[in-house]
Amino acid sequence: ARVLEIAKRLSLQAARGETVEEEGCERHREPLKVFCKDDEAFICVICRESRAHRSHTMLPVQDAVQEYKGQIQAQLQALKEERDKLLAFREAEMSRSW
């Protein structure tokens, strides 16, 4: 959800022609270059070395974006298929009731 929210915000800013500013760590003012899978949060390289994240599974931001993008697309496809089934069922019921 956080990845999707950030992607939407960046996409809207780019569509409006606004300068897309890179998100930064509120604590260290460093670029968010790592994704902590355990906390599902973007973090900076300084936070990555902290005790809070040291033992967590990490991914580079671009890898995390691609991974979650694939998951979102798979879920979207499943929802589209479910919607098509429901629309076909609805159409069949409406035809039957006429």
Protein backbone atom coordinates (compact mmCIF):
# COMPACT_ATOMS: atom_id res chain seq x y z
CA ALA A 1 0.00 0.00 0.00
CA ARG A 2 2.83 2.38 0.82
CA VAL A 3 4.59 1.60 -2.45
CA LEU A 4 1.38 2.19 -4.36
CA GLU A 5 0.73 5.47 -2.53
CA ILE A 6 4.21 6.80 -3.31
CA ALA A 7 3.96 5.65 -6.95
CA LYS A 8 0.60 7.40 -7.37
CA ARG A 9 1.90 10.62 -5.82
CA LEU A 10 5.00 10.62 -8.03
CA SER A 11 2.91 9.82 -11.10
CA LEU A 12 0.51 12.70 -10.38
CA GLN A 13 3.38 15.11 -9.83
CA ALA A 14 5.00 14.05 -13.11
CA ALA A 15 1.68 14.37 -14.98
CA ARG A 16 1.24 17.92 -13.70
CA GLY A 17 4.76 18.76 -14.79
CA GLU A 18 5.88 19.34 -11.23
CA THR A 19 9.39 18.53 -10.20
CA VAL A 20 9.42 15.12 -8.64
CA GLU A 21 11.35 15.37 -5.42
CA GLU A 22 12.95 12.27 -4.01
CA GLU A 23 11.54 11.16 -0.71
CA GLY A 24 14.04 11.37 2.12
CA CYS A 25 14.53 9.89 5.54
CA GLU A 26 12.89 12.15 8.11
CA ARG A 27 15.49 11.23 10.69
CA HIS A 28 18.73 11.38 8.68
CA ARG A 29 17.73 13.48 5.64
CA GLU A 30 19.21 10.78 3.40
CA PRO A 31 17.65 9.35 0.22
CA LEU A 32 15.47 6.28 0.69
CA LYS A 33 17.44 3.68 -1.23
CA VAL A 34 16.49 0.46 0.58
CA PHE A 35 13.19 -1.31 1.20
CA CYS A 36 12.81 -3.22 4.47
CA LYS A 37 10.54 -6.18 3.73
CA ASP A 38 9.95 -6.93 7.40
CA ASP A 39 8.63 -3.42 8.15
CA GLU A 40 7.35 -2.81 4.60
CA ALA A 41 9.00 0.60 4.58
CA PHE A 42 11.54 2.53 2.57
CA ILE A 43 14.60 3.40 4.61
CA CYS A 44 17.95 5.11 4.14
CA VAL A 45 21.33 3.36 4.27
CA ILE A 46 21.98 4.73 7.76
CA CYS A 47 18.72 3.27 9.07
CA ARG A 48 19.61 -0.03 7.40
CA GLU A 49 22.61 -0.37 9.72
CA SER A 50 20.62 0.45 12.87
CA ARG A 51 19.66 -2.23 15.38
CA ALA A 52 16.02 -1.85 14.38
CA HIS A 53 16.66 -3.10 10.81
CA ARG A 54 20.00 -4.91 10.90
CA SER A 55 18.52 -8.42 10.91
CA HIS A 56 15.69 -7.63 8.47
CA THR A 57 15.39 -8.67 4.85
CA MET A 58 16.31 -5.78 2.54
CA LEU A 59 15.87 -5.03 -1.15
CA PRO A 60 17.07 -2.16 -3.31
CA VAL A 61 14.15 0.20 -4.00
CA GLN A 62 13.93 -0.67 -7.71
CA ASP A 63 13.77 -4.41 -6.96
CA ALA A 64 11.05 -3.85 -4.38
CA VAL A 65 9.05 -1.73 -6.83
CA GLN A 66 9.27 -4.44 -9.50
CA GLU A 67 8.32 -7.17 -7.03
CA TYR A 68 5.29 -5.32 -5.70
CA LYS A 69 4.31 -4.15 -9.16
CA GLY A 70 4.13 -7.80 -10.24
CA GLN A 71 2.02 -8.68 -7.22
CA ILE A 72 -0.33 -5.76 -7.85
CA GLN A 73 -0.73 -6.71 -11.51
CA ALA A 74 -1.47 -10.34 -10.59
CA GLN A 75 -4.13 -9.22 -8.09
CA LEU A 76 -5.60 -6.83 -10.63
CA GLN A 77 -5.83 -9.61 -13.21
CA ALA A 78 -7.58 -11.88 -10.69
CA LEU A 79 -10.05 -9.11 -9.84
CA LYS A 80 -10.77 -8.48 -13.53
CA GLU A 81 -11.45 -12.17 -14.08
CA GLU A 82 -13.76 -12.25 -11.07
CA ARG A 83 -15.59 -9.16 -12.33
CA ASP A 84 -16.04 -10.76 -15.76
CA LYS A 85 -17.51 -13.89 -14.14
CA LEU A 86 -19.91 -11.80 -12.08
CA LEU A 87 -21.00 -9.75 -15.09
CA ALA A 88 -21.61 -12.93 -17.10
CA PHE A 89 -23.62 -14.39 -14.21
CA ARG A 90 -25.62 -11.18 -13.92
CA GLU A 91 -26.31 -11.16 -17.66
CA ALA A 92 -27.45 -14.78 -17.57
CA GLU A 93 -29.77 -14.10 -14.62
CA MET A 94 -31.24 -11.02 -16.30
CA SER A 95 -31.86 -12.99 -19.52
CA ARG A 96 -33.45 -15.80 -17.55
CA SER A 97 -35.74 -13.45 -15.64
CA TRP A 98 -37.01 -11.84 -18.85
